[in-house]
C-alpha atoms as a PDB file:
ATOM      1  CA  MET A   1      21.126  28.718 -51.227  1.00  0.00           C
ATOM      2  CA  ALA A   2      19.318  31.278 -50.693  1.00  0.00           C
ATOM      3  CA  LYS A   3      20.768  34.740 -50.659  1.00  0.00           C
ATOM      4  CA  ASN A   4      19.896  38.224 -49.006  1.00  0.00           C
ATOM      5  CA  GLU A   5      20.280  41.295 -49.793  1.00  0.00           C
ATOM      6  CA  LYS A   6      19.099  44.509 -48.288  1.00  0.00           C
ATOM      7  CA  ILE A   7      17.953  47.342 -50.872  1.00  0.00           C
ATOM      8  CA  SER A   8      17.296  50.710 -49.382  1.00  0.00           C
ATOM      9  CA  VAL A   9      13.681  52.040 -50.299  1.00  0.00           C
ATOM     10  CA  GLN A  10      12.151  55.349 -48.769  1.00  0.00           C
ATOM     11  CA  GLY A  11      15.725  55.399 -46.166  1.00  0.00           C
ATOM     12  CA  THR A  12      13.548  51.667 -45.130  1.00  0.00           C
ATOM     13  CA  GLU A  13      15.832  48.447 -45.485  1.00  0.00           C
ATOM     14  CA  ILE A  14      14.328  45.913 -46.745  1.00  0.00           C
ATOM     15  CA  THR A  15      15.242  42.132 -47.071  1.00  0.00           C
ATOM     16  CA  VAL A  16      15.416  40.365 -50.367  1.00  0.00           C
ATOM     17  CA  VAL A  17      16.001  36.776 -50.522  1.00  0.00           C
ATOM     18  CA  SER A  18      16.714  35.184 -53.285  1.00  0.00           C
ATOM     19  CA  GLU A  19      16.316  31.800 -54.511  1.00  0.00           C
ATOM     20  CA  LYS A  20      16.188  29.395 -57.430  1.00  0.00           C
ATOM     21  CA  SER A  21      12.557  29.649 -57.532  1.00  0.00           C
ATOM     22  CA  GLY A  22      12.226  33.412 -57.601  1.00  0.00           C
ATOM     23  CA  ASP A  23      12.975  36.370 -55.400  1.00  0.00           C
ATOM     24  CA  TYR A  24      10.874  37.492 -52.441  1.00  0.00           C
ATOM     25  CA  ILE A  25      11.145  40.133 -50.161  1.00  0.00           C
ATOM     26  CA  SER A  26      10.585  41.059 -46.143  1.00  0.00           C
ATOM     27  CA  LEU A  27       6.298  42.316 -46.104  1.00  0.00           C
ATOM     28  CA  THR A  28       7.408  42.905 -41.974  1.00  0.00           C
ATOM     29  CA  ASP A  29      10.115  45.575 -43.413  1.00  0.00           C
ATOM     30  CA  ILE A  30       8.169  46.827 -45.606  1.00  0.00           C
ATOM     31  CA  ALA A  31       5.686  47.231 -42.723  1.00  0.00           C
ATOM     32  CA  ARG A  32       7.932  48.959 -40.165  1.00  0.00           C
ATOM     33  CA  TYR A  33       7.851  51.717 -42.789  1.00  0.00           C
ATOM     34  CA  LYS A  34       4.528  52.774 -41.056  1.00  0.00           C
ATOM     35  CA  ASN A  35       5.034  51.207 -37.918  1.00  0.00           C
ATOM     36  CA  THR A  36       8.337  50.846 -36.403  1.00  0.00           C
ATOM     37  CA  GLU A  37       7.436  49.324 -33.161  1.00  0.00           C
ATOM     38  CA  LYS A  38       5.183  46.996 -33.984  1.00  0.00           C
ATOM     39  CA  PRO A  39       5.293  46.108 -38.299  1.00  0.00           C
ATOM     40  CA  ASN A  40       3.500  42.936 -36.954  1.00  0.00           C
ATOM     41  CA  VAL A  41       0.104  45.073 -36.579  1.00  0.00           C
ATOM     42  CA  VAL A  42       0.418  46.419 -40.260  1.00  0.00           C
ATOM     43  CA  VAL A  43       0.881  42.644 -41.634  1.00  0.00           C
ATOM     44  CA  ALA A  44      -2.146  41.785 -39.579  1.00  0.00           C
ATOM     45  CA  ASN A  45      -4.145  43.956 -40.703  1.00  0.00           C
ATOM     46  CA  TRP A  46      -3.253  44.030 -44.236  1.00  0.00           C
ATOM     47  CA  LEU A  47      -3.946  40.164 -44.307  1.00  0.00           C
ATOM     48  CA  HIS A  48      -7.700  40.627 -42.827  1.00  0.00           C
ATOM     49  CA  ASN A  49      -8.138  43.410 -45.824  1.00  0.00           C
ATOM     50  CA  HIS A  50     -10.574  42.086 -48.014  1.00  0.00           C
ATOM     51  CA  ASN A  51      -9.150  42.583 -51.024  1.00  0.00           C
ATOM     52  CA  THR A  52      -5.986  41.051 -49.899  1.00  0.00           C
ATOM     53  CA  ILE A  53      -7.444  37.638 -49.732  1.00  0.00           C
ATOM     54  CA  GLU A  54      -8.944  37.727 -52.756  1.00  0.00           C
ATOM     55  CA  TYR A  55      -5.836  38.527 -54.137  1.00  0.00           C
ATOM     56  CA  LEU A  56      -4.299  35.569 -52.216  1.00  0.00           C
ATOM     57  CA  GLY A  57      -6.970  33.072 -53.706  1.00  0.00           C
ATOM     58  CA  THR A  58      -6.326  34.401 -57.130  1.00  0.00           C
ATOM     59  CA  TRP A  59      -2.232  33.619 -56.647  1.00  0.00           C
ATOM     60  CA  GLU A  60      -3.286  30.248 -55.238  1.00  0.00           C
ATOM     61  CA  GLN A  61      -4.961  29.305 -58.115  1.00  0.00           C
ATOM     62  CA  LEU A  62      -2.683  30.095 -60.652  1.00  0.00           C
ATOM     63  CA  ASN A  63       0.526  28.806 -59.008  1.00  0.00           C
ATOM     64  CA  ASN A  64      -0.642  25.862 -56.453  1.00  0.00           C
ATOM     65  CA  PRO A  65      -2.040  22.726 -58.612  1.00  0.00           C
ATOM     66  CA  ASN A  66      -3.464  21.549 -54.869  1.00  0.00           C
ATOM     67  CA  PHE A  67      -5.353  24.396 -54.052  1.00  0.00           C
ATOM     68  CA  LYS A  68      -8.947  24.607 -52.699  1.00  0.00           C
ATOM     69  CA  PRO A  69     -11.119  27.149 -53.750  1.00  0.00           C
ATOM     70  CA  LEU A  70     -13.981  26.431 -52.142  1.00  0.00           C
ATOM     71  CA  GLU A  71     -11.598  26.941 -49.040  1.00  0.00           C
ATOM     72  CA  ILE A  72     -10.539  30.650 -49.866  1.00  0.00           C
ATOM     73  CA  LYS A  73     -14.652  31.597 -50.331  1.00  0.00           C
ATOM     74  CA  LYS A  74     -14.926  31.192 -46.646  1.00  0.00           C
ATOM     75  CA  PHE A  75     -12.305  33.471 -45.840  1.00  0.00           C
ATOM     76  CA  ILE A  76     -13.614  35.655 -48.537  1.00  0.00           C
ATOM     77  CA  ARG A  77     -17.438  35.466 -46.851  1.00  0.00           C
ATOM     78  CA  PHE A  78     -15.952  35.950 -43.710  1.00  0.00           C
ATOM     79  CA  SER A  79     -13.844  39.312 -44.706  1.00  0.00           C
ATOM     80  CA  SER A  80     -16.829  41.168 -46.046  1.00  0.00           C
ATOM     81  CA  THR A  81     -18.864  39.813 -43.099  1.00  0.00           C
ATOM     82  CA  GLN A  82     -16.445  41.725 -40.502  1.00  0.00           C
ATOM     83  CA  PHE A  83     -16.108  44.342 -43.051  1.00  0.00           C
ATOM     84  CA  ARG A  84     -19.882  45.612 -43.304  1.00  0.00           C
ATOM     85  CA  GLN A  85     -19.587  45.032 -39.272  1.00  0.00           C
ATOM     86  CA  SER A  86     -17.089  47.422 -39.262  1.00  0.00           C
ATOM     87  CA  LEU A  87     -19.378  50.309 -41.132  1.00  0.00           C
ATOM     88  CA  TYR A  88     -21.837  49.982 -38.403  1.00  0.00           C
ATOM     89  CA  ARG A  89     -19.874  50.817 -34.828  1.00  0.00           C
END
């Protein structure tokens, strides 16, 4: 069974869930430091970031034997396109 505990980082309470497979931290709690009312917006922006998508793809390749690398390339290409378009807005 998972064990939950809270830690305080720079005055923000962050949930840590400990399971047999490892410890997990709450991204929503971390995002709440930036935007207390809408932390989901911070997480959504992070997930659209090109570097984040590349990082998640690398993590999946290392940790998921069923990972399909061609699928992540579509997301990386899309994020790069969106980034370039945002430079010209």
